[in-house]
Amino acid sequence: RIHQLDFYCCGPLTICLTLPFTQERGGTIVGPLGSLNNIMLTRQRRVSPHQNSSRKTSKRPTGKKSHFCSDCGKRFNSSEDLKIHQRIHTGEKPFGCDQCGKSFSTSSYLTIHQRTHTGEKPYSCGQCGKSFTQLNNLIVHQRTHTGEKSYGCDQCVKSFYTSSQLTSHQRTHTGEKSYSCDQCGKSFTTSSQLTSHQRMHSGEKPYSCDQCGKSFTTSSQLTSHQRTHTGEKSYSCDQCGKSFTTSRQLTSHHRTHTGEKPFSCTQCGKSFSHPSTLISHRRIHTGEKPYSCGECDKCDKRYSDKRSLIKHQKIHEGVVS
């Protein structure tokens, strides 16, 4: 049989050759390429030097995700990725921690969790030396040095280091709370908030201070507490220079400069700069007064916020022993 092949060189011409050859199993081409008598010039065209061939017959990956989830329709590149994803729907967590019994959907999540027991932090920042249990946490941390906040909210001017932080923030605009506690029904905007809340029911405090032994429900609470020992205040205001122990304190402080009040009451529309102030305000509508005096048997006064209680208790100073 006579077959046509295209040959490409890095010179100024591309030559299309016709020659006899056979194709063996497996795609190997065999023929008398050394015999110039079998070569016939059929056409030529000018090409740029080192032009890469675009006529190879091998199939290229199409990027098509052929494995899809029957529950939510999401598509995946491999059956293994699909299998891992489906555990979100089934709740399957086959990887258990041998120290605390907590289970996870993937072995990588288990490995990360086990570092909370061992204290291992294999990812270190080259600028400040701070270490992390996860690579993603290091990447996010490094943005605090560069100031990069690539994820901006399209409803307000606020920007964030990660897409997950942006997603959580956007729920403050929509009011969406997708994560509910199965014990008390309280809802939260993020799964991490729900996990922290559930520890109030279980009493679990997995994060312990190695200096005083005090335990906490979240790693961020432990980090903030440890600064009471070191006196470290890593977060400084770029407008007035005041320093704070946590980024949350700095964010709240910034609002005294900007006048931003992102927390609004759904009943009267009044806005506040801090979520705790909004919570106290809502009690005006509900009539809830969770803070009781308890200084003496005769005083049964109750208050909607802690500040009012402290102010009231000063009445008893010098009277109550």
Protein backbone atom coordinates (compact mmCIF):
# COMPACT_ATOMS: atom_id res chain seq x y z
CA ARG A 1 0.00 0.00 0.00
CA ILE A 2 1.03 3.61 -0.59
CA HIS A 3 0.49 5.91 2.39
CA GLN A 4 1.08 9.62 2.75
CA LEU A 5 3.10 11.01 5.66
CA ASP A 6 3.86 14.59 6.64
CA PHE A 7 7.42 15.23 7.81
CA TYR A 8 8.32 18.46 9.62
CA CYS A 9 11.80 19.91 9.93
CA CYS A 10 13.15 23.06 11.60
CA GLY A 11 14.24 24.60 8.29
CA PRO A 12 12.29 27.00 6.08
CA LEU A 13 10.34 24.26 4.23
CA THR A 14 7.93 21.53 5.18
CA ILE A 15 8.00 18.60 2.76
CA CYS A 16 5.17 16.14 2.31
CA LEU A 17 6.52 12.74 1.28
CA THR A 18 4.88 9.72 -0.25
CA LEU A 19 6.66 6.39 0.22
CA PRO A 20 5.87 2.72 0.68
CA PHE A 21 5.85 1.49 4.28
CA THR A 22 4.08 -0.99 6.51
CA GLN A 23 2.58 -0.39 9.94
CA GLU A 24 3.19 -3.09 12.51
CA ARG A 25 1.09 -3.81 15.60
CA GLY A 26 1.58 -1.18 18.28
CA GLY A 27 1.88 1.69 15.80
CA THR A 28 5.53 1.22 14.77
CA ILE A 29 6.21 2.42 11.21
CA VAL A 30 8.63 0.28 9.16
CA GLY A 31 9.77 1.05 5.62
CA PRO A 32 12.72 1.60 3.29
CA LEU A 33 13.34 5.18 4.38
CA GLY A 34 16.93 4.87 3.27
CA SER A 35 15.94 4.33 -0.36
CA LEU A 36 15.61 7.73 -2.06
CA ASN A 37 14.10 6.07 -5.15
CA ASN A 38 10.88 5.53 -3.18
CA ILE A 39 10.51 9.23 -2.21
CA MET A 40 8.28 11.51 -4.26
CA LEU A 41 7.91 15.24 -3.54
CA THR A 42 4.20 16.14 -3.52
CA ARG A 43 4.00 19.69 -2.09
CA GLN A 44 5.83 22.26 -0.01
CA ARG A 45 5.02 25.29 2.12
CA ARG A 46 6.99 27.83 4.14
CA VAL A 47 7.07 27.45 7.92
CA SER A 48 8.82 29.30 10.69
CA PRO A 49 11.93 27.65 12.16
CA HIS A 50 11.30 25.16 14.98
CA GLN A 51 7.55 25.13 14.34
CA ASN A 52 6.01 22.33 16.31
CA SER A 53 3.99 19.76 14.38
CA SER A 54 0.25 20.07 14.77
CA ARG A 55 -0.53 16.98 12.70
CA LYS A 56 0.45 14.21 15.09
CA THR A 57 -2.08 11.41 15.14
CA SER A 58 -1.81 10.71 18.90
CA LYS A 59 -4.89 11.67 20.89
CA ARG A 60 -4.58 14.53 23.33
CA PRO A 61 -6.41 14.83 26.66
CA THR A 62 -9.67 16.66 26.12
CA GLY A 63 -10.08 17.78 29.73
CA LYS A 64 -13.52 16.17 29.82
CA LYS A 65 -14.71 15.11 33.25
CA SER A 66 -16.55 11.88 32.52
CA HIS A 67 -17.35 10.82 36.10
CA PHE A 68 -20.33 12.63 37.60
CA CYS A 69 -22.09 12.50 40.97
CA SER A 70 -25.69 11.27 40.76
CA ASP A 71 -26.60 13.26 43.89
CA CYS A 72 -25.45 16.76 42.93
CA GLY A 73 -24.28 16.48 39.31
CA LYS A 74 -20.70 17.56 40.01
CA ARG A 75 -18.15 16.05 37.58
CA PHE A 76 -14.70 14.59 38.23
CA ASN A 77 -11.68 13.43 36.23
CA SER A 78 -11.43 10.01 37.86
CA SER A 79 -13.61 7.45 39.59
CA GLU A 80 -11.40 7.77 42.69
CA ASP A 81 -12.09 11.53 42.94
CA LEU A 82 -15.81 10.81 42.55
CA LYS A 83 -15.68 8.15 45.27
CA ILE A 84 -14.05 10.58 47.72
CA HIS A 85 -16.59 13.29 46.85
CA GLN A 86 -19.57 10.97 47.41
CA ARG A 87 -18.57 10.59 51.05
CA ILE A 88 -19.91 14.14 51.51
CA HIS A 89 -23.37 12.78 50.68
CA THR A 90 -23.09 9.42 52.47
CA GLY A 91 -21.28 10.75 55.55
CA GLU A 92 -18.77 7.90 55.30
CA LYS A 93 -15.55 8.54 57.24
CA PRO A 94 -13.41 5.41 56.98
CA PHE A 95 -10.18 6.87 58.38
CA GLY A 96 -10.14 6.97 62.19
CA CYS A 97 -7.63 8.56 64.58
CA ASP A 98 -6.19 5.95 66.96
CA GLN A 99 -5.66 8.57 69.68
CA CYS A 100 -9.04 10.28 69.95
CA GLY A 101 -11.34 8.22 67.72
CA LYS A 102 -12.26 11.10 65.42
CA SER A 103 -12.94 9.98 61.84
CA PHE A 104 -12.26 11.54 58.45
CA SER A 105 -13.33 11.05 54.84
CA THR A 106 -9.77 10.90 53.45
CA SER A 107 -6.40 9.69 54.68
CA SER A 108 -4.90 13.14 54.03
CA TYR A 109 -7.41 14.77 56.40
CA LEU A 110 -6.48 12.19 59.03
CA THR A 111 -2.77 12.94 58.59
CA ILE A 112 -3.41 16.67 59.07
CA HIS A 113 -5.55 15.99 62.16
CA GLN A 114 -2.92 13.76 63.76
CA ARG A 115 -0.55 16.73 63.79
CA THR A 116 -2.77 18.31 66.46
CA HIS A 117 -1.70 15.41 68.70
CA THR A 118 1.97 15.26 67.71
CA GLY A 119 2.49 19.02 67.44
CA GLU A 120 4.19 18.53 64.07
CA LYS A 121 4.22 21.67 61.89
CA PRO A 122 6.22 20.81 58.78
CA TYR A 123 5.52 24.00 56.81
CA SER A 124 7.55 27.06 57.87
CA CYS A 125 7.42 30.67 56.71
CA GLY A 126 10.77 31.82 55.32
CA GLN A 127 10.17 35.41 56.45
CA CYS A 128 9.13 35.07 60.08
CA GLY A 129 9.75 31.39 60.88
CA LYS A 130 6.14 30.67 61.86
CA SER A 131 5.20 27.02 61.26
CA PHE A 132 1.97 25.38 60.15
CA THR A 133 0.39 21.94 59.99
CA GLN A 134 -0.94 22.47 56.45
CA LEU A 135 0.61 23.88 53.29
CA ASN A 136 -2.54 25.88 52.54
CA ASN A 137 -2.27 27.62 55.91
CA LEU A 138 1.31 28.62 55.11
CA ILE A 139 0.28 30.02 51.71
CA VAL A 140 -2.50 32.08 53.32
CA HIS A 141 -0.11 33.27 56.07
CA GLN A 142 2.48 34.43 53.53
CA ARG A 143 -0.10 36.83 52.12
CA THR A 144 -0.02 38.70 55.43
CA HIS A 145 3.57 39.65 54.56
CA THR A 146 2.81 40.60 50.95
CA GLY A 147 -0.55 42.21 51.73
CA GLU A 148 -2.11 40.29 48.84
CA LYS A 149 -5.88 39.95 49.11
CA SER A 150 -6.97 38.52 45.79
CA TYR A 151 -10.60 37.81 46.63
CA GLY A 152 -12.85 40.89 46.67
CA CYS A 153 -16.50 41.09 47.67
CA ASP A 154 -18.71 42.50 44.89
CA GLN A 155 -21.18 43.92 47.42
CA CYS A 156 -18.72 45.86 49.58
CA VAL A 157 -15.08 46.91 49.33
CA LYS A 158 -13.76 44.19 51.63
CA SER A 159 -11.05 41.81 50.31
CA PHE A 160 -9.78 38.47 51.58
CA TYR A 161 -6.75 36.21 51.43
CA THR A 162 -8.71 33.08 50.40
CA SER A 163 -11.84 32.22 48.42
CA SER A 164 -13.27 30.40 51.46
CA GLN A 165 -12.94 33.57 53.56
CA LEU A 166 -14.78 35.49 50.83
CA THR A 167 -17.55 32.86 50.67
CA SER A 168 -18.01 33.03 54.45
CA HIS A 169 -18.08 36.83 54.34
CA GLN A 170 -20.68 36.92 51.55
CA ARG A 171 -23.07 35.07 53.84
CA THR A 172 -23.12 38.16 56.08
CA HIS A 173 -24.83 39.90 53.17
CA THR A 174 -27.20 37.06 52.24
CA GLY A 175 -27.87 35.89 55.80
CA GLU A 176 -27.30 32.29 54.68
CA LYS A 177 -26.47 29.84 57.47
CA SER A 178 -26.08 26.41 55.92
CA TYR A 179 -24.62 24.54 58.90
CA SER A 180 -27.02 23.56 61.70
CA CYS A 181 -26.36 21.96 65.09
CA ASP A 182 -28.28 18.70 65.46
CA GLN A 183 -28.51 19.18 69.24
CA CYS A 184 -29.89 22.69 69.61
CA GLY A 185 -30.75 23.73 66.05
CA LYS A 186 -28.49 26.79 66.02
CA SER A 187 -27.19 27.62 62.53
CA PHE A 188 -23.82 28.90 61.34
CA THR A 189 -22.28 30.33 58.19
CA THR A 190 -19.26 27.98 58.14
CA SER A 191 -18.60 24.34 59.04
CA SER A 192 -15.71 25.38 61.31
CA GLN A 193 -18.07 27.60 63.33
CA LEU A 194 -20.43 24.65 63.73
CA THR A 195 -17.58 22.37 64.82
CA SER A 196 -16.45 24.91 67.43
CA HIS A 197 -20.03 25.33 68.65
CA GLN A 198 -20.58 21.58 69.02
CA ARG A 199 -17.68 21.46 71.47
CA MET A 200 -19.85 23.53 73.82
CA HIS A 201 -22.19 20.54 73.99
CA SER A 202 -19.47 17.90 74.20
CA GLY A 203 -17.15 19.90 76.47
CA GLU A 204 -14.24 18.99 74.22
CA LYS A 205 -11.24 21.34 74.45
CA PRO A 206 -8.52 19.77 72.31
CA TYR A 207 -6.10 22.72 72.30
CA SER A 208 -3.94 23.05 75.43
CA CYS A 209 -1.43 25.71 76.46
CA ASP A 210 1.97 24.14 77.17
CA GLN A 211 2.82 26.90 79.66
CA CYS A 212 -0.18 26.90 82.00
CA GLY A 213 -2.21 23.87 80.90
CA LYS A 214 -5.36 25.85 80.10
CA SER A 215 -7.44 24.25 77.32
CA PHE A 216 -9.49 25.77 74.52
CA THR A 217 -12.10 24.71 71.99
CA THR A 218 -10.34 26.25 68.97
CA SER A 219 -6.73 26.69 67.87
CA SER A 220 -7.29 30.44 67.38
CA GLN A 221 -8.37 30.77 71.03
CA LEU A 222 -5.19 28.99 72.10
CA THR A 223 -3.03 31.23 69.87
CA SER A 224 -4.66 34.35 71.33
CA HIS A 225 -4.20 33.03 74.87
CA GLN A 226 -0.52 32.23 74.33
CA ARG A 227 0.10 35.90 73.57
CA THR A 228 -0.88 36.71 77.17
CA HIS A 229 2.29 34.83 78.15
CA THR A 230 4.54 36.33 75.47
CA GLY A 231 3.02 39.81 75.39
CA GLU A 232 3.10 39.61 71.60
CA LYS A 233 0.86 42.01 69.67
CA SER A 234 1.45 41.14 66.03
CA TYR A 235 -1.37 43.14 64.47
CA SER A 236 -0.76 46.88 64.11
CA CYS A 237 -3.06 49.59 62.80
CA ASP A 238 -1.51 51.34 59.78
CA GLN A 239 -3.36 54.56 60.63
CA CYS A 240 -2.60 55.11 64.31
CA GLY A 241 0.01 52.45 65.15
CA LYS A 242 -2.02 50.78 67.90
CA SER A 243 -1.24 47.06 68.25
CA PHE A 244 -3.47 44.08 68.99
CA THR A 245 -3.07 40.42 69.85
CA THR A 246 -5.55 39.14 67.23
CA SER A 247 -6.52 40.07 63.67
CA ARG A 248 -10.15 40.22 64.77
CA GLN A 249 -9.34 42.92 67.32
CA LEU A 250 -7.47 44.87 64.64
CA THR A 251 -10.39 44.55 62.20
CA SER A 252 -12.81 45.82 64.83
CA HIS A 253 -10.46 48.70 65.65
CA HIS A 254 -10.17 49.69 61.97
CA ARG A 255 -13.89 50.45 61.97
CA THR A 256 -13.29 53.32 64.40
CA HIS A 257 -11.33 54.97 61.57
CA THR A 258 -13.56 54.02 58.62
CA GLY A 259 -16.92 54.34 60.38
CA GLU A 260 -17.96 51.03 58.81
CA LYS A 261 -20.98 49.35 60.44
CA PRO A 262 -21.51 46.06 58.59
CA PHE A 263 -23.82 44.41 61.13
CA SER A 264 -27.47 45.41 60.70
CA CYS A 265 -30.59 44.60 62.70
CA THR A 266 -33.19 42.88 60.52
CA GLN A 267 -36.05 44.31 62.60
CA CYS A 268 -35.24 48.02 62.74
CA GLY A 269 -32.35 48.44 60.29
CA LYS A 270 -29.94 49.93 62.84
CA SER A 271 -26.28 49.14 62.05
CA PHE A 272 -23.32 48.35 64.30
CA SER A 273 -19.56 48.03 63.98
CA HIS A 274 -19.31 44.86 66.11
CA PRO A 275 -21.41 41.66 66.02
CA SER A 276 -21.54 41.56 69.84
CA THR A 277 -23.14 45.02 69.86
CA LEU A 278 -25.76 43.80 67.39
CA ILE A 279 -26.51 40.76 69.57
CA SER A 280 -27.03 43.02 72.60
CA HIS A 281 -29.24 45.34 70.55
CA ARG A 282 -31.48 42.49 69.35
CA ARG A 283 -32.38 41.78 72.97
CA ILE A 284 -34.25 45.11 73.01
CA HIS A 285 -36.65 43.53 70.52
CA THR A 286 -36.78 40.08 72.13
CA GLY A 287 -36.76 41.24 75.76
CA GLU A 288 -34.07 38.68 76.60
CA LYS A 289 -31.96 39.50 79.69
CA PRO A 290 -29.40 36.74 80.19
CA TYR A 291 -27.19 38.56 82.74
CA SER A 292 -28.35 38.43 86.36
CA CYS A 293 -26.80 40.24 89.31
CA GLY A 294 -26.60 37.48 91.90
CA GLU A 295 -24.63 39.71 94.30
CA CYS A 296 -27.10 39.25 97.09
CA ASP A 297 -30.33 37.44 97.86
CA LYS A 298 -32.41 40.60 97.60
CA CYS A 299 -31.16 41.72 94.16
CA ASP A 300 -32.74 39.88 91.27
CA LYS A 301 -32.10 42.43 88.55
CA ARG A 302 -31.28 41.18 85.06
CA TYR A 303 -29.68 42.89 82.07
CA SER A 304 -29.50 42.41 78.31
CA ASP A 305 -25.76 43.09 78.10
CA LYS A 306 -22.75 42.42 80.30
CA ARG A 307 -21.65 46.07 80.41
CA SER A 308 -24.93 47.11 82.06
CA LEU A 309 -24.54 44.32 84.60
CA ILE A 310 -21.01 45.44 85.54
CA LYS A 311 -22.23 49.02 85.89
CA HIS A 312 -25.03 47.85 88.19
CA GLN A 313 -22.73 45.69 90.31
CA LYS A 314 -20.71 48.77 91.24
CA ILE A 315 -23.72 49.76 93.35
CA HIS A 316 -22.91 46.81 95.59
CA GLU A 317 -19.22 47.71 95.98
CA GLY A 318 -18.43 48.36 99.58
CA VAL A 319 -21.78 46.86 100.60
CA VAL A 320 -21.37 43.23 99.58
CA SER A 321 -18.36 41.50 101.13
